[in-house]
Amino acid sequence: MRVYVITRLRFFSLLIAGAFFFWYFSHPVLLVNTARQVAMMLTGRIIPVYSVERPDRKLSITFDATWGADQTSDLLRILRENEIKATFFLCGLWVEKYPEMVKAIAGEGHELGNHSYTHPHMNSLSVEEIAHEILYTHQLIKELTGQSPTVFRPPYGEYNNKLIETAHSCGYTTVIWDVDSLDWRNLSAAEMVTRITKRVQPGSIILCHNAGKHTPQAIAILIPLLKKQGFEFTPVSQLLLKGETFTDHTGRQKPKQIAPTIRDYPKQLNLTSGEKVNGKWGVK
C-alpha cells in the first residue's frame, strides 16, 4: 500500500488552487466570456465594433452614402428638426460627385465617416490597395470639409484581419452595425421602424442609407419613438468607449477589466477581519 505524504507547503498550495477553481467555476458569466475570448485568440480572428457596452442609453444612427443624393436633404431636415447628430459614411466617389451635399452634411454638424473610395470587396485587396482606398477618401473629405474622419465602415460589411489592421494603421476604428434597417431592400417605413425597434439596444449602431427609398419617412417616425423609450443619439466616434477596450465574439465593444482576485471579494463586501457574514469571518 502506498502512503502519500503531503508537506505543509503542498497542502496550502492545493488548498489555494482548489479555492481559486471553486471561485472561478462558480462565476458562469466570467467562465463563458473567457471561453469565448480564448476561442477568438485561438483562431486569431479580429472582430470590429458592431455595438458598444454602455452604462447609458446612447446609440448611433448611421447612413452609408454610395449612390444617389435625392433623399439626403430630407434626411438632414428631419435630423435638424429632432436635434439629432448622426454619422454619414461617405464613399470617395460619392464625395467627388456630390461635393456640395458633403459640405451640407458637415455644415449641419454631423460626423463624416470613411466608406472607401470605390466601394470594392476589400477582402480581396492588398494592404497597399486597402490603404489607398481609405487614405484617398480621407484626403477628399478633409480638403472639402476640414473634418478628419476616424471611423471606417468597409463596403458590404466585409472584413478580415488584414483590413482591420490596415485601417488601424491609417488611424481608423473599423465599425460595422448591429441593427440593419434593410432600407436598401426598399422596405416600407413601417416595416423598417418595426424591424429596428425590435432589435435596438443601448449602444446599438443602426445602419441606414442616405438614398433609401423610404428612409426619411422611417427616420421621422423612429427618432421620436426611440426618444420616448429613453434613447439618446450620438455620432459613432462619441459612442465608442475610451481607454482600454476589447470586442467580444459578437462585436460588442467593452471596457477591459481586471478580474477580482479571491482576496478582493471580502473588500467588495466591505468585510474586515472583525466582521461576520452568515457566520463566517471576513479577512483583510
Foldseek 3Di string as FASTA:
>chain_A
DDDDDDDPVNVVVVVQVVVQVVVQVVPVVNVVQVVQVVVCVVVVWAFAAAFADDPAQEEAEEAEEDDDQVQQVLQLVLCVVLVFAHEYAYAQVRCVVCVVSLQVNVVSVHHYAHAFHNQDLCVPDDLVNLLCRRVVSQVSSCVSHVDRHAEYEYRPNDDTPSNQVSSVVVRHGYYYFFAELVLVVVDALVSSLVRRVVGDTRGGYYYHHSPRPHVSVNCSVNPVVVVVVVYGYDYPVVSHDDDAWGATPVNYIDHDDDDDDPLCVCVVVVFDQPDDDPRDGRYD
